[in-house]
Structures are given as C-alpha cells and as structure tokens.
C-alpha atoms as a PDB file:
ATOM      1  CA  UNK A   1      -8.046 -64.167  10.932  1.00  0.00           C
ATOM      2  CA  UNK A   2      -4.384 -65.375  10.199  1.00  0.00           C
ATOM      3  CA  UNK A   3      -6.414 -66.205   6.839  1.00  0.00           C
ATOM      4  CA  UNK A   4      -8.650 -63.659   5.533  1.00  0.00           C
ATOM      5  CA  UNK A   5     -10.994 -66.159   3.617  1.00  0.00           C
ATOM      6  CA  UNK A   6     -12.067 -67.577   7.180  1.00  0.00           C
ATOM      7  CA  UNK A   7     -12.931 -64.115   8.871  1.00  0.00           C
ATOM      8  CA  UNK A   8     -16.866 -63.829   9.864  1.00  0.00           C
ATOM      9  CA  UNK A   9     -19.409 -62.260   7.997  1.00  0.00           C
ATOM     10  CA  UNK A  10     -21.532 -59.318   9.616  1.00  0.00           C
ATOM     11  CA  UNK A  11     -21.332 -58.083  13.165  1.00  0.00           C
ATOM     12  CA  UNK A  12     -20.223 -60.047  15.940  1.00  0.00           C
ATOM     13  CA  UNK A  13     -22.336 -61.155  18.963  1.00  0.00           C
ATOM     14  CA  UNK A  14     -22.171 -61.779  22.499  1.00  0.00           C
ATOM     15  CA  UNK A  15     -23.641 -65.480  22.144  1.00  0.00           C
ATOM     16  CA  UNK A  16     -21.149 -66.488  19.414  1.00  0.00           C
ATOM     17  CA  UNK A  17     -18.367 -64.678  20.517  1.00  0.00           C
ATOM     18  CA  UNK A  18     -19.005 -66.297  24.199  1.00  0.00           C
ATOM     19  CA  UNK A  19     -19.397 -69.795  22.221  1.00  0.00           C
ATOM     20  CA  UNK A  20     -16.154 -69.407  20.135  1.00  0.00           C
ATOM     21  CA  UNK A  21     -14.298 -68.592  23.464  1.00  0.00           C
ATOM     22  CA  UNK A  22     -15.843 -71.591  25.466  1.00  0.00           C
ATOM     23  CA  UNK A  23     -14.690 -73.935  22.217  1.00  0.00           C
ATOM     24  CA  UNK A  24     -11.174 -72.629  22.361  1.00  0.00           C
ATOM     25  CA  UNK A  25     -10.857 -72.983  26.201  1.00  0.00           C
ATOM     26  CA  UNK A  26     -11.612 -76.822  26.254  1.00  0.00           C
ATOM     27  CA  UNK A  27      -9.288 -76.759  23.273  1.00  0.00           C
ATOM     28  CA  UNK A  28      -6.989 -76.124  25.413  1.00  0.00           C
ATOM     29  CA  UNK A  29      -6.030 -73.061  23.866  1.00  0.00           C
ATOM     30  CA  UNK A  30      -6.068 -70.182  27.359  1.00  0.00           C
ATOM     31  CA  UNK A  31      -2.958 -68.738  26.626  1.00  0.00           C
ATOM     32  CA  UNK A  32      -3.983 -67.399  22.794  1.00  0.00           C
ATOM     33  CA  UNK A  33      -4.533 -63.893  20.178  1.00  0.00           C
ATOM     34  CA  UNK A  34      -7.928 -64.898  19.866  1.00  0.00           C
ATOM     35  CA  UNK A  35      -8.756 -65.771  23.520  1.00  0.00           C
ATOM     36  CA  UNK A  36      -7.332 -62.427  24.069  1.00  0.00           C
ATOM     37  CA  UNK A  37      -9.343 -61.230  21.500  1.00  0.00           C
ATOM     38  CA  UNK A  38     -12.863 -62.495  21.855  1.00  0.00           C
ATOM     39  CA  UNK A  39     -12.210 -61.704  25.776  1.00  0.00           C
ATOM     40  CA  UNK A  40     -11.683 -57.963  25.037  1.00  0.00           C
ATOM     41  CA  UNK A  41     -14.870 -57.659  22.791  1.00  0.00           C
ATOM     42  CA  UNK A  42     -17.179 -58.963  25.208  1.00  0.00           C
ATOM     43  CA  UNK A  43     -15.765 -56.926  27.764  1.00  0.00           C
ATOM     44  CA  UNK A  44     -16.101 -54.067  26.095  1.00  0.00           C
ATOM     45  CA  UNK A  45     -19.383 -55.076  24.435  1.00  0.00           C
ATOM     46  CA  UNK A  46     -21.466 -55.621  27.863  1.00  0.00           C
ATOM     47  CA  UNK A  47     -23.775 -52.487  28.567  1.00  0.00           C
ATOM     48  CA  UNK A  48     -23.938 -50.933  31.854  1.00  0.00           C
ATOM     49  CA  UNK A  49     -26.019 -53.407  33.901  1.00  0.00           C
ATOM     50  CA  UNK A  50     -23.830 -56.468  32.935  1.00  0.00           C
ATOM     51  CA  UNK A  51     -25.945 -57.458  29.849  1.00  0.00           C
ATOM     52  CA  UNK A  52     -25.137 -57.626  26.364  1.00  0.00           C
ATOM     53  CA  UNK A  53     -27.117 -56.483  23.229  1.00  0.00           C
ATOM     54  CA  UNK A  54     -28.387 -59.435  21.108  1.00  0.00           C
ATOM     55  CA  UNK A  55     -30.127 -58.191  18.227  1.00  0.00           C
ATOM     56  CA  UNK A  56     -30.313 -61.321  15.885  1.00  0.00           C
ATOM     57  CA  UNK A  57     -31.214 -64.288  15.845  1.00  0.00           C
ATOM     58  CA  UNK A  58     -28.195 -66.648  16.685  1.00  0.00           C
ATOM     59  CA  UNK A  59     -29.196 -70.079  17.514  1.00  0.00           C
ATOM     60  CA  UNK A  60     -31.998 -72.200  15.352  1.00  0.00           C
ATOM     61  CA  UNK A  61     -34.441 -74.583  16.307  1.00  0.00           C
ATOM     62  CA  UNK A  62     -35.778 -76.665  13.128  1.00  0.00           C
ATOM     63  CA  UNK A  63     -34.869 -74.383  10.190  1.00  0.00           C
ATOM     64  CA  UNK A  64     -37.251 -72.816   8.822  1.00  0.00           C
ATOM     65  CA  UNK A  65     -39.950 -73.651  12.179  1.00  0.00           C
ATOM     66  CA  UNK A  66     -38.574 -71.579  14.661  1.00  0.00           C
ATOM     67  CA  UNK A  67     -35.194 -69.162  15.298  1.00  0.00           C
ATOM     68  CA  UNK A  68     -33.619 -68.656  19.285  1.00  0.00           C
ATOM     69  CA  UNK A  69     -32.846 -65.114  20.207  1.00  0.00           C
ATOM     70  CA  UNK A  70     -30.772 -64.955  23.178  1.00  0.00           C
ATOM     71  CA  UNK A  71     -31.476 -62.167  25.569  1.00  0.00           C
ATOM     72  CA  UNK A  72     -28.195 -61.842  27.367  1.00  0.00           C
END
C-alpha cells in the first residue's frame, strides 16, 4: 500500500486475495504492481494438491447467525 493507513490487519486469505484481484481486473487494472503481488501471493500460498489453506471464516451470511468458511 502507498499509504500505511490502508494496510490490512491479520493474515491474508486466498479467497479475499482472489476477490481483490477480481475487482482490480474488472476495473481494468491488469498491469499493476498490486495485481502482480496478489497473483504472486496466491501462487506461493497454493498447496501441492492445488488447494489453498483457508483456516478463517471469510464470508458472512446473516450477521450473528452464521459465517462462511470457503474450502478452497
């Protein structure tokens, strides 16, 4: 991030990194350092079987009723 105030807290997850990449690509930001870093992170985090470790609940349903853990 160019401004520290926008830096995320906690560990990155494959699903949230992929969502950010989809947004950047949809916005036409294909050839940017952000996309390169995101793709590099996904590539390095990928498991030998092609999946990603997704230990955290990264999606929400109805707040306080349930959360979603994407098995990638």
